[in-house]
């Protein structure tokens, strides 16, 4: 109890202010494309330079087990936006069109008074990837501010659009340019006095592996340490490509630092939740594999850093599993907004804020068909626990690793431990039943990326897509 009348009056006034409606926190989601968790300095990579991300991580929570449920561009982005597994939202392959009548994280925030902004690579509108104009309205899924394209990995000569189909040419590496658009949005939201949600979704470090010289020259390919499971193989990235990849990561790190500095200078950092993650990883020659769609750690595991000053303890870490399907309901929970029942992910906000409650310790993964472009041989499903990773095709088990004894996944235990295999099979079947997934959603013919098949189609169900695909992709 205050000891003087003046202290009593001051305490009473403060309590009265606290009883008013709390100001919604701003939310910023920073998401480069194809940034694997193994390419961040503070996550154990001594070669890559990520000083801004490392410092940012020290200010908040490091989510050590952040995973992409479907590690490929369009499905991952749809899962992030909808809080649904991709067999539910319909985006089971690249270059499909996300239907407008579904649940959307951005639409929910806009309906709750948020100013919403999207900058970067959209890749949810179907059709041809370039030039990539997405008109204002329902196809933007709730985003109001727009500086984006459908999909282009021309990192040095990119083109974006605002609210008209006139292209805007970027005359520099896109990482820095996108950061500037993000800052423009933040300035506008601050001037309007609205809570805001901004996502900046960069194309790099997605292949083609080419960084600006000032970033590429920071790395000597001959001195880089290859991961112990890296295999020299024709067609897979080697030290030279990895040096370029790291250069792009460092460019993204600088762009991240630029946005974080702007939040500080505008006095917004204290009431802004910032999340840094990625849509999927990149094999980069590990296991002798390239790109994504794989069940190995380099493909499914992505960075996960969350900062909210005063609410999230600095320099904290958690082994709780945080997967893409959980992002939307969790961010809504942090903002004090109830996630709709249509979202399948978990609201982990109570656990992240308090550390109390059951820690999520499993993740479920899905890929629905083969893709010759990155050597994905067929549709698979997987489950990962703290210790084990298990994946299977529809007709047979595929991979089983003991991550405690074999963190680089070099010994496949399928067929060697039938009891463990059976236990993980039960877990996988439970996930499929719980999410209403089915092996019938798979297809066997390779799917072509790039919008050359899909045009502007949308599908109300996975079955509708499969019927269309089986009928020769016509009509």
Protein backbone atom coordinates (compact mmCIF):
# COMPACT_ATOMS: atom_id res chain seq x y z
CA UNK A 1 0.00 0.00 0.00
CA UNK A 2 1.34 3.48 -0.86
CA UNK A 3 2.79 5.30 2.14
CA UNK A 4 1.69 8.87 1.30
CA UNK A 5 -1.41 10.54 -0.09
CA UNK A 6 0.53 11.61 -3.20
CA UNK A 7 1.68 8.03 -3.81
CA UNK A 8 -1.86 6.80 -3.27
CA UNK A 9 -3.26 9.26 -5.85
CA UNK A 10 -0.55 8.31 -8.36
CA UNK A 11 -1.17 4.58 -7.87
CA UNK A 12 -4.93 5.04 -8.20
CA UNK A 13 -4.50 7.00 -11.45
CA UNK A 14 -2.21 4.32 -12.87
CA UNK A 15 -4.66 1.58 -11.93
CA UNK A 16 -7.47 3.49 -13.59
CA UNK A 17 -5.51 3.74 -16.83
CA UNK A 18 -4.73 0.04 -16.72
CA UNK A 19 -8.43 -0.79 -16.54
CA UNK A 20 -9.11 0.65 -20.01
CA UNK A 21 -9.00 -1.52 -23.12
CA UNK A 22 -5.38 -2.57 -23.74
CA UNK A 23 -3.79 -1.37 -26.95
CA UNK A 24 -3.41 -4.20 -29.42
CA UNK A 25 0.23 -5.05 -30.11
CA UNK A 26 1.61 -4.48 -33.58
CA UNK A 27 2.85 -7.61 -35.35
CA UNK A 28 5.73 -7.91 -37.82
CA UNK A 29 6.48 -11.23 -39.51
CA UNK A 30 9.79 -11.36 -41.41
CA UNK A 31 10.09 -14.34 -43.75
CA UNK A 32 12.86 -15.00 -46.25
CA UNK A 33 12.32 -17.86 -48.69
CA UNK A 34 14.23 -21.10 -48.20
CA UNK A 35 16.26 -20.02 -45.16
CA UNK A 36 17.11 -23.19 -43.29
CA UNK A 37 17.66 -23.22 -39.53
CA UNK A 38 21.21 -24.49 -40.03
CA UNK A 39 22.21 -21.17 -41.67
CA UNK A 40 21.98 -18.82 -38.68
CA UNK A 41 24.93 -17.83 -36.51
CA UNK A 42 23.19 -18.10 -33.15
CA UNK A 43 21.78 -21.51 -34.08
CA UNK A 44 25.26 -22.98 -34.33
CA UNK A 45 26.65 -22.08 -37.76
CA UNK A 46 30.08 -20.54 -37.22
CA UNK A 47 30.52 -19.63 -40.89
CA UNK A 48 27.42 -17.59 -41.73
CA UNK A 49 27.26 -13.93 -40.65
CA UNK A 50 23.90 -12.96 -39.15
CA UNK A 51 24.72 -10.29 -36.51
CA UNK A 52 21.33 -8.52 -36.63
CA UNK A 53 19.34 -11.74 -36.36
CA UNK A 54 21.65 -12.99 -33.60
CA UNK A 55 21.14 -9.78 -31.62
CA UNK A 56 17.40 -9.89 -32.25
CA UNK A 57 17.31 -13.49 -30.96
CA UNK A 58 19.08 -12.36 -27.77
CA UNK A 59 16.24 -9.89 -27.14
CA UNK A 60 13.51 -12.52 -27.20
CA UNK A 61 12.68 -16.21 -27.45
CA UNK A 62 14.50 -18.74 -29.62
CA UNK A 63 12.10 -21.46 -30.74
CA UNK A 64 14.55 -24.30 -31.24
CA UNK A 65 12.03 -26.62 -32.91
CA UNK A 66 10.34 -24.55 -35.59
CA UNK A 67 9.15 -26.63 -38.55
CA UNK A 68 7.47 -26.35 -41.95
CA UNK A 69 4.60 -28.86 -42.07
CA UNK A 70 4.72 -28.93 -45.88
CA UNK A 71 8.19 -27.75 -46.89
CA UNK A 72 7.54 -26.18 -50.27
CA UNK A 73 6.62 -22.60 -51.19
CA UNK A 74 2.88 -22.33 -51.96
CA UNK A 75 1.60 -24.98 -49.55
CA UNK A 76 3.75 -23.56 -46.75
CA UNK A 77 2.51 -20.01 -47.35
CA UNK A 78 -1.08 -21.19 -47.39
CA UNK A 79 -0.61 -23.05 -44.10
CA UNK A 80 0.89 -19.91 -42.55
CA UNK A 81 -1.98 -17.70 -43.72
CA UNK A 82 -4.87 -20.04 -42.92
CA UNK A 83 -3.71 -21.98 -39.87
CA UNK A 84 -4.86 -25.10 -41.74
CA UNK A 85 -2.98 -28.05 -43.18
CA UNK A 86 -2.79 -27.78 -46.93
CA UNK A 87 -5.16 -30.70 -47.62
CA UNK A 88 -7.76 -28.58 -45.80
CA UNK A 89 -7.04 -25.22 -47.45
CA UNK A 90 -6.57 -26.84 -50.88
CA UNK A 91 -3.02 -25.66 -51.62
CA UNK A 92 -1.47 -29.09 -52.03
CA UNK A 93 0.99 -28.07 -54.76
CA UNK A 94 2.83 -25.05 -56.04
CA UNK A 95 1.06 -22.48 -58.23
CA UNK A 96 -2.50 -23.25 -57.28
CA UNK A 97 -4.91 -20.43 -56.45
CA UNK A 98 -5.88 -20.05 -52.79
CA UNK A 99 -9.66 -19.70 -52.70
CA UNK A 100 -10.95 -16.40 -51.35
CA UNK A 101 -13.73 -17.74 -49.13
CA UNK A 102 -11.41 -19.54 -46.71
CA UNK A 103 -10.02 -18.47 -43.35
CA UNK A 104 -7.21 -15.89 -43.48
CA UNK A 105 -5.03 -14.54 -40.69
CA UNK A 106 -4.82 -11.15 -42.42
CA UNK A 107 -8.61 -10.93 -42.85
CA UNK A 108 -9.12 -11.65 -39.16
CA UNK A 109 -6.66 -8.95 -38.13
CA UNK A 110 -8.23 -6.43 -40.52
CA UNK A 111 -11.66 -7.19 -39.04
CA UNK A 112 -10.21 -6.44 -35.60
CA UNK A 113 -8.98 -2.98 -36.52
CA UNK A 114 -5.50 -3.80 -37.78
CA UNK A 115 -3.92 -2.06 -40.74
CA UNK A 116 -2.43 -4.92 -42.78
CA UNK A 117 0.53 -4.81 -45.14
CA UNK A 118 2.18 -7.31 -47.47
CA UNK A 119 5.59 -6.84 -49.07
CA UNK A 120 7.39 -9.35 -51.26
CA UNK A 121 6.68 -12.74 -52.80
CA UNK A 122 2.97 -13.68 -52.62
CA UNK A 123 2.77 -17.00 -54.51
CA UNK A 124 -0.84 -17.77 -53.59
CA UNK A 125 -2.71 -16.48 -56.63
CA UNK A 126 -2.19 -19.25 -59.20
CA UNK A 127 -1.65 -18.45 -62.82
CA UNK A 128 1.64 -17.51 -64.39
CA UNK A 129 4.31 -16.42 -61.96
CA UNK A 130 5.35 -13.37 -63.95
CA UNK A 131 4.68 -10.52 -64.32
CA UNK A 132 2.65 -11.24 -61.17
CA UNK A 133 0.09 -8.48 -60.60
CA UNK A 134 -2.54 -9.31 -57.95
CA UNK A 135 -5.37 -6.75 -58.05
CA UNK A 136 -6.82 -5.16 -54.91
CA UNK A 137 -9.74 -7.03 -53.39
CA UNK A 138 -10.48 -10.56 -52.29
CA UNK A 139 -7.47 -12.11 -54.01
CA UNK A 140 -5.22 -10.31 -51.52
CA UNK A 141 -6.77 -12.27 -48.65
CA UNK A 142 -7.18 -9.31 -46.29
CA UNK A 143 -4.04 -7.31 -47.03
CA UNK A 144 -4.59 -3.59 -47.60
CA UNK A 145 -1.10 -2.20 -48.26
CA UNK A 146 0.59 -4.01 -51.15
CA UNK A 147 4.08 -3.97 -52.67
CA UNK A 148 4.48 -7.43 -54.12
CA UNK A 149 4.57 -9.85 -57.03
CA UNK A 150 3.18 -13.31 -57.49
CA UNK A 151 6.55 -15.07 -57.70
CA UNK A 152 9.88 -14.02 -59.18
CA UNK A 153 13.33 -15.15 -58.21
CA UNK A 154 15.09 -12.49 -60.24
CA UNK A 155 16.64 -11.08 -57.10
CA UNK A 156 18.64 -8.40 -58.92
CA UNK A 157 16.09 -7.30 -61.52
CA UNK A 158 12.81 -7.81 -59.80
CA UNK A 159 9.47 -6.19 -60.54
CA UNK A 160 6.70 -5.48 -58.05
CA UNK A 161 3.22 -4.00 -58.22
CA UNK A 162 1.16 -1.73 -56.06
CA UNK A 163 -2.57 -1.25 -56.76
CA UNK A 164 -2.35 -0.94 -60.55
CA UNK A 165 -0.88 -3.28 -63.19
CA UNK A 166 1.96 -0.84 -63.94
CA UNK A 167 5.19 -2.62 -62.99
CA UNK A 168 7.71 -1.02 -60.66
CA UNK A 169 11.28 -2.05 -61.41
CA UNK A 170 13.64 -2.54 -58.47
CA UNK A 171 17.09 -1.24 -59.34
CA UNK A 172 18.90 -3.04 -56.50
CA UNK A 173 19.02 -6.38 -54.73
CA UNK A 174 15.50 -6.98 -53.52
CA UNK A 175 16.32 -7.59 -49.84
CA UNK A 176 17.05 -3.91 -49.19
CA UNK A 177 14.24 -2.65 -51.43
CA UNK A 178 11.61 -4.76 -49.69
CA UNK A 179 12.83 -3.51 -46.31
CA UNK A 180 12.19 0.06 -47.49
CA UNK A 181 8.61 -0.75 -48.51
CA UNK A 182 8.05 -2.39 -45.15
CA UNK A 183 9.30 0.73 -43.38
CA UNK A 184 7.02 2.88 -45.55
CA UNK A 185 4.04 0.83 -44.39
CA UNK A 186 5.07 1.13 -40.74
CA UNK A 187 5.36 4.90 -41.10
CA UNK A 188 1.88 5.11 -42.60
CA UNK A 189 0.38 2.91 -39.88
CA UNK A 190 2.03 4.95 -37.15
CA UNK A 191 0.70 8.20 -38.65
CA UNK A 192 -2.82 6.73 -38.74
CA UNK A 193 -2.56 5.54 -35.13
CA UNK A 194 -3.77 2.04 -35.98
CA UNK A 195 -2.32 -1.23 -34.72
CA UNK A 196 -0.66 -2.88 -37.68
CA UNK A 197 0.38 -6.22 -39.08
CA UNK A 198 3.22 -6.27 -41.59
CA UNK A 199 4.81 -9.23 -43.28
CA UNK A 200 7.89 -8.89 -45.46
CA UNK A 201 8.47 -12.04 -47.50
CA UNK A 202 11.80 -11.91 -49.31
CA UNK A 203 12.74 -14.17 -52.23
CA UNK A 204 16.39 -14.75 -51.19
CA UNK A 205 18.12 -16.95 -50.19
CA UNK A 206 16.05 -19.14 -52.55
CA UNK A 207 17.99 -20.34 -55.58
CA UNK A 208 19.39 -19.20 -58.00
CA UNK A 209 22.33 -18.89 -55.66
CA UNK A 210 23.72 -15.47 -56.42
CA UNK A 211 24.47 -12.75 -53.88
CA UNK A 212 25.57 -9.13 -54.39
CA UNK A 213 29.39 -8.95 -54.56
CA UNK A 214 29.67 -7.04 -51.27
CA UNK A 215 27.98 -9.97 -49.52
CA UNK A 216 29.39 -12.83 -51.58
CA UNK A 217 32.92 -11.56 -50.97
CA UNK A 218 32.51 -12.04 -47.23
CA UNK A 219 32.81 -15.80 -47.74
CA UNK A 220 35.69 -17.95 -48.93
CA UNK A 221 34.11 -21.07 -50.39
CA UNK A 222 37.28 -23.08 -49.81
CA UNK A 223 37.13 -22.40 -46.06
CA UNK A 224 33.48 -23.18 -45.43
CA UNK A 225 32.67 -26.16 -43.22
CA UNK A 226 30.30 -28.55 -44.97
CA UNK A 227 27.71 -30.26 -42.79
CA UNK A 228 28.77 -33.81 -41.84
CA UNK A 229 25.93 -35.22 -43.95
CA UNK A 230 26.86 -33.16 -47.05
CA UNK A 231 27.57 -35.35 -50.07
CA UNK A 232 29.48 -34.19 -53.12
CA UNK A 233 27.17 -35.02 -56.01
CA UNK A 234 26.56 -33.72 -59.51
CA UNK A 235 23.56 -31.39 -59.50
CA UNK A 236 23.76 -30.62 -55.78
CA UNK A 237 25.08 -27.36 -54.32
CA UNK A 238 28.72 -27.33 -53.32
CA UNK A 239 30.92 -24.85 -51.45
CA UNK A 240 30.65 -22.20 -54.18
CA UNK A 241 26.84 -22.24 -54.17
CA UNK A 242 26.73 -22.34 -50.39
CA UNK A 243 28.97 -19.27 -50.23
CA UNK A 244 26.46 -17.46 -52.45
CA UNK A 245 23.60 -18.73 -50.27
CA UNK A 246 25.32 -17.42 -47.15
CA UNK A 247 25.88 -14.09 -48.91
CA UNK A 248 22.14 -13.81 -49.53
CA UNK A 249 21.44 -14.73 -45.91
CA UNK A 250 23.73 -11.91 -44.77
CA UNK A 251 21.93 -9.50 -47.11
CA UNK A 252 18.63 -10.56 -45.51
CA UNK A 253 20.24 -10.07 -42.11
CA UNK A 254 21.07 -6.45 -42.99
CA UNK A 255 17.52 -5.88 -44.28
CA UNK A 256 16.16 -7.34 -41.04
CA UNK A 257 18.36 -5.01 -39.05
CA UNK A 258 17.09 -2.06 -41.08
CA UNK A 259 13.45 -2.83 -40.21
CA UNK A 260 14.22 -3.44 -36.55
CA UNK A 261 16.12 -0.15 -36.37
CA UNK A 262 13.13 1.67 -37.89
CA UNK A 263 10.84 0.22 -35.22
CA UNK A 264 13.24 1.47 -32.55
CA UNK A 265 13.56 4.96 -34.06
CA UNK A 266 9.79 5.32 -34.38
CA UNK A 267 9.27 4.30 -30.76
CA UNK A 268 7.27 1.21 -31.75
CA UNK A 269 9.51 -1.64 -30.63
CA UNK A 270 8.06 -2.00 -27.13
CA UNK A 271 4.53 -2.78 -28.34
CA UNK A 272 5.47 -4.75 -31.44
CA UNK A 273 5.64 -8.54 -31.67
CA UNK A 274 8.31 -9.50 -34.20
CA UNK A 275 8.58 -13.05 -35.55
CA UNK A 276 11.39 -14.21 -37.85
CA UNK A 277 11.06 -17.53 -39.66
CA UNK A 278 10.97 -19.07 -43.16
CA UNK A 279 8.67 -21.08 -45.40
CA UNK A 280 11.06 -24.07 -45.59
CA UNK A 281 14.71 -24.95 -45.66
CA UNK A 282 17.18 -26.05 -48.33
CA UNK A 283 19.05 -29.35 -48.47
CA UNK A 284 22.13 -27.69 -50.05
CA UNK A 285 23.71 -31.08 -50.75
CA UNK A 286 23.00 -32.70 -47.38
CA UNK A 287 22.09 -36.37 -47.95
CA UNK A 288 23.13 -35.74 -51.57
CA UNK A 289 19.83 -33.89 -52.06
CA UNK A 290 18.80 -30.46 -53.29
CA UNK A 291 16.10 -27.90 -52.50
CA UNK A 292 13.11 -28.96 -50.33
CA UNK A 293 10.01 -31.23 -50.08
CA UNK A 294 12.13 -33.68 -48.08
CA UNK A 295 11.68 -35.05 -44.54
CA UNK A 296 15.28 -34.33 -43.50
CA UNK A 297 16.10 -31.59 -40.98
CA UNK A 298 17.67 -29.29 -43.57
CA UNK A 299 14.35 -29.16 -45.42
CA UNK A 300 11.80 -29.09 -42.60
CA UNK A 301 13.56 -27.08 -39.88
CA UNK A 302 13.46 -23.28 -40.12
CA UNK A 303 14.58 -20.40 -37.88
CA UNK A 304 12.14 -19.32 -35.18
CA UNK A 305 12.72 -16.13 -33.17
CA UNK A 306 10.02 -14.19 -31.34
CA UNK A 307 10.45 -10.81 -29.62
CA UNK A 308 7.94 -8.86 -27.56
CA UNK A 309 9.66 -6.57 -25.04
CA UNK A 310 8.19 -6.77 -21.57
CA UNK A 311 6.18 -9.89 -22.36
CA UNK A 312 8.73 -12.36 -23.76
CA UNK A 313 11.80 -12.95 -21.61
CA UNK A 314 15.04 -11.87 -23.35
CA UNK A 315 17.65 -14.50 -24.21
CA UNK A 316 15.17 -17.31 -23.52
CA UNK A 317 14.90 -20.59 -25.38
CA UNK A 318 12.33 -23.34 -25.69
CA UNK A 319 12.26 -26.80 -27.18
CA UNK A 320 8.47 -26.56 -27.68
CA UNK A 321 7.48 -27.56 -31.19
CA UNK A 322 6.22 -24.56 -33.17
CA UNK A 323 5.04 -25.48 -36.66
CA UNK A 324 3.63 -23.40 -39.50
CA UNK A 325 0.05 -24.40 -38.76
CA UNK A 326 0.48 -22.91 -35.25
CA UNK A 327 1.76 -19.50 -36.37
CA UNK A 328 -1.60 -17.82 -37.11
CA UNK A 329 -3.54 -19.00 -34.03
CA UNK A 330 -0.56 -18.23 -31.79
CA UNK A 331 -0.08 -14.69 -33.11
CA UNK A 332 -3.82 -14.10 -32.78
CA UNK A 333 -3.62 -15.34 -29.21
CA UNK A 334 -0.73 -12.98 -28.44
CA UNK A 335 -2.88 -10.13 -29.81
CA UNK A 336 -5.81 -11.15 -27.60
CA UNK A 337 -7.93 -12.40 -30.51
CA UNK A 338 -9.66 -15.78 -30.44
CA UNK A 339 -8.58 -18.01 -33.33
CA UNK A 340 -11.53 -19.37 -35.36
CA UNK A 341 -12.40 -23.04 -35.04
CA UNK A 342 -11.58 -23.51 -38.73
CA UNK A 343 -7.88 -23.17 -37.87
CA UNK A 344 -6.27 -26.52 -37.14
CA UNK A 345 -3.13 -25.19 -35.47
CA UNK A 346 -2.54 -24.71 -31.76
CA UNK A 347 -2.59 -21.37 -29.97
CA UNK A 348 0.70 -21.60 -28.10
CA UNK A 349 0.55 -18.04 -26.75
CA UNK A 350 -0.13 -19.05 -23.11
CA UNK A 351 2.88 -21.36 -23.11
CA UNK A 352 5.17 -18.88 -24.87
CA UNK A 353 4.24 -16.11 -22.44
CA UNK A 354 4.44 -18.13 -19.23
CA UNK A 355 6.36 -21.32 -19.95
CA UNK A 356 3.57 -23.16 -18.17
CA UNK A 357 1.42 -25.98 -19.49
CA UNK A 358 2.17 -28.97 -21.68
CA UNK A 359 5.00 -28.33 -24.08
CA UNK A 360 4.12 -29.39 -27.66
CA UNK A 361 6.64 -32.06 -28.63
CA UNK A 362 5.50 -33.48 -31.98
CA UNK A 363 5.10 -32.24 -35.53
CA UNK A 364 3.24 -33.64 -38.55
CA UNK A 365 4.47 -33.33 -42.15
CA UNK A 366 2.89 -33.82 -45.57
CA UNK A 367 3.98 -33.88 -49.20
CA UNK A 368 1.38 -35.05 -51.70
CA UNK A 369 3.21 -36.04 -54.87
CA UNK A 370 6.49 -36.37 -56.73
CA UNK A 371 8.37 -33.49 -58.31
CA UNK A 372 11.22 -34.24 -60.68
CA UNK A 373 12.68 -30.74 -60.34
CA UNK A 374 14.10 -31.42 -56.89
CA UNK A 375 14.20 -35.20 -56.88
CA UNK A 376 11.12 -35.76 -54.71
CA UNK A 377 10.10 -39.30 -55.59
CA UNK A 378 6.56 -39.39 -54.23
CA UNK A 379 4.06 -38.20 -51.68
CA UNK A 380 4.99 -38.90 -48.09
CA UNK A 381 3.84 -38.24 -44.53
CA UNK A 382 5.99 -37.88 -41.46
CA UNK A 383 6.02 -37.36 -37.73
CA UNK A 384 8.85 -35.91 -35.68
CA UNK A 385 9.22 -36.18 -31.94
CA UNK A 386 11.96 -34.77 -29.73
CA UNK A 387 14.05 -37.85 -30.41
CA UNK A 388 12.82 -39.50 -33.61
CA UNK A 389 11.93 -38.66 -37.19
CA UNK A 390 9.76 -41.13 -39.10
CA UNK A 391 8.48 -40.81 -42.66
CA UNK A 392 6.72 -43.19 -45.00
CA UNK A 393 5.21 -43.43 -48.44
CA UNK A 394 1.65 -44.71 -48.82
CA UNK A 395 2.86 -48.25 -49.48
CA UNK A 396 5.93 -48.56 -47.25
CA UNK A 397 8.03 -47.01 -44.48
CA UNK A 398 10.84 -44.82 -45.79
CA UNK A 399 13.00 -43.18 -43.11
CA UNK A 400 13.52 -43.55 -39.36
CA UNK A 401 16.22 -41.72 -37.44
CA UNK A 402 17.26 -41.53 -33.80
CA UNK A 403 18.09 -37.82 -33.63
CA UNK A 404 19.65 -38.12 -30.19
CA UNK A 405 22.28 -40.59 -31.35
CA UNK A 406 22.32 -39.58 -34.99
CA UNK A 407 21.61 -35.82 -35.31
CA UNK A 408 22.80 -35.70 -38.93
CA UNK A 409 20.48 -38.55 -39.94
CA UNK A 410 23.09 -40.80 -41.48
CA UNK A 411 21.70 -44.18 -40.34
CA UNK A 412 18.22 -45.12 -41.52
CA UNK A 413 16.69 -47.51 -38.96
CA UNK A 414 13.70 -48.64 -41.04
CA UNK A 415 13.51 -52.42 -40.74
CA UNK A 416 15.98 -52.55 -37.83
CA UNK A 417 13.73 -51.67 -34.89
CA UNK A 418 10.24 -52.99 -35.57
CA UNK A 419 8.89 -52.04 -32.14
CA UNK A 420 9.94 -48.39 -32.45
CA UNK A 421 8.75 -48.30 -36.05
CA UNK A 422 5.33 -49.59 -34.98
CA UNK A 423 5.08 -46.98 -32.19
CA UNK A 424 5.83 -44.14 -34.60
CA UNK A 425 3.43 -45.59 -37.14
CA UNK A 426 0.67 -45.36 -34.53
CA UNK A 427 1.57 -41.70 -33.91
CA UNK A 428 1.51 -40.96 -37.64
CA UNK A 429 -1.87 -42.64 -38.11
CA UNK A 430 -3.21 -40.59 -35.21
CA UNK A 431 -2.03 -37.34 -36.84
CA UNK A 432 -3.63 -38.31 -40.16
CA UNK A 433 -6.92 -39.17 -38.47
CA UNK A 434 -6.87 -36.05 -36.30
CA UNK A 435 -6.25 -33.74 -39.27
CA UNK A 436 -8.54 -35.74 -41.62
CA UNK A 437 -5.68 -36.41 -43.99
CA UNK A 438 -5.80 -39.38 -46.37
CA UNK A 439 -3.38 -41.23 -48.62
CA UNK A 440 -6.03 -40.90 -51.33
CA UNK A 441 -4.99 -37.24 -51.63
CA UNK A 442 -1.69 -38.34 -53.19
CA UNK A 443 -0.98 -38.43 -56.89
CA UNK A 444 1.64 -40.39 -58.79
CA UNK A 445 2.41 -38.28 -61.85
CA UNK A 446 5.00 -35.51 -61.41
CA UNK A 447 3.53 -32.04 -60.95
CA UNK A 448 4.91 -29.09 -62.87
CA UNK A 449 5.69 -25.84 -61.09
CA UNK A 450 5.55 -22.39 -62.64
CA UNK A 451 1.84 -21.95 -63.36
CA UNK A 452 2.20 -23.56 -66.76
CA UNK A 453 -0.49 -26.07 -65.89
CA UNK A 454 -2.76 -24.38 -63.41
CA UNK A 455 -3.58 -20.99 -64.96
CA UNK A 456 -5.99 -19.13 -62.65
CA UNK A 457 -7.70 -22.17 -61.21
CA UNK A 458 -8.89 -22.61 -57.65
CA UNK A 459 -10.20 -25.81 -56.11
CA UNK A 460 -12.84 -26.17 -53.42
CA UNK A 461 -11.37 -29.45 -52.24
CA UNK A 462 -8.34 -31.65 -52.70
CA UNK A 463 -10.57 -34.20 -54.40
CA UNK A 464 -11.61 -31.62 -56.98
CA UNK A 465 -7.95 -30.98 -57.72
CA UNK A 466 -7.21 -34.70 -58.01
CA UNK A 467 -10.18 -35.27 -60.34
CA UNK A 468 -8.95 -32.42 -62.52
CA UNK A 469 -5.36 -33.72 -62.49
CA UNK A 470 -6.39 -37.29 -63.33
CA UNK A 471 -8.47 -36.09 -66.28
CA UNK A 472 -5.45 -34.77 -68.09
CA UNK A 473 -5.44 -31.31 -66.49
CA UNK A 474 -7.97 -29.98 -68.96
CA UNK A 475 -11.38 -28.38 -68.73
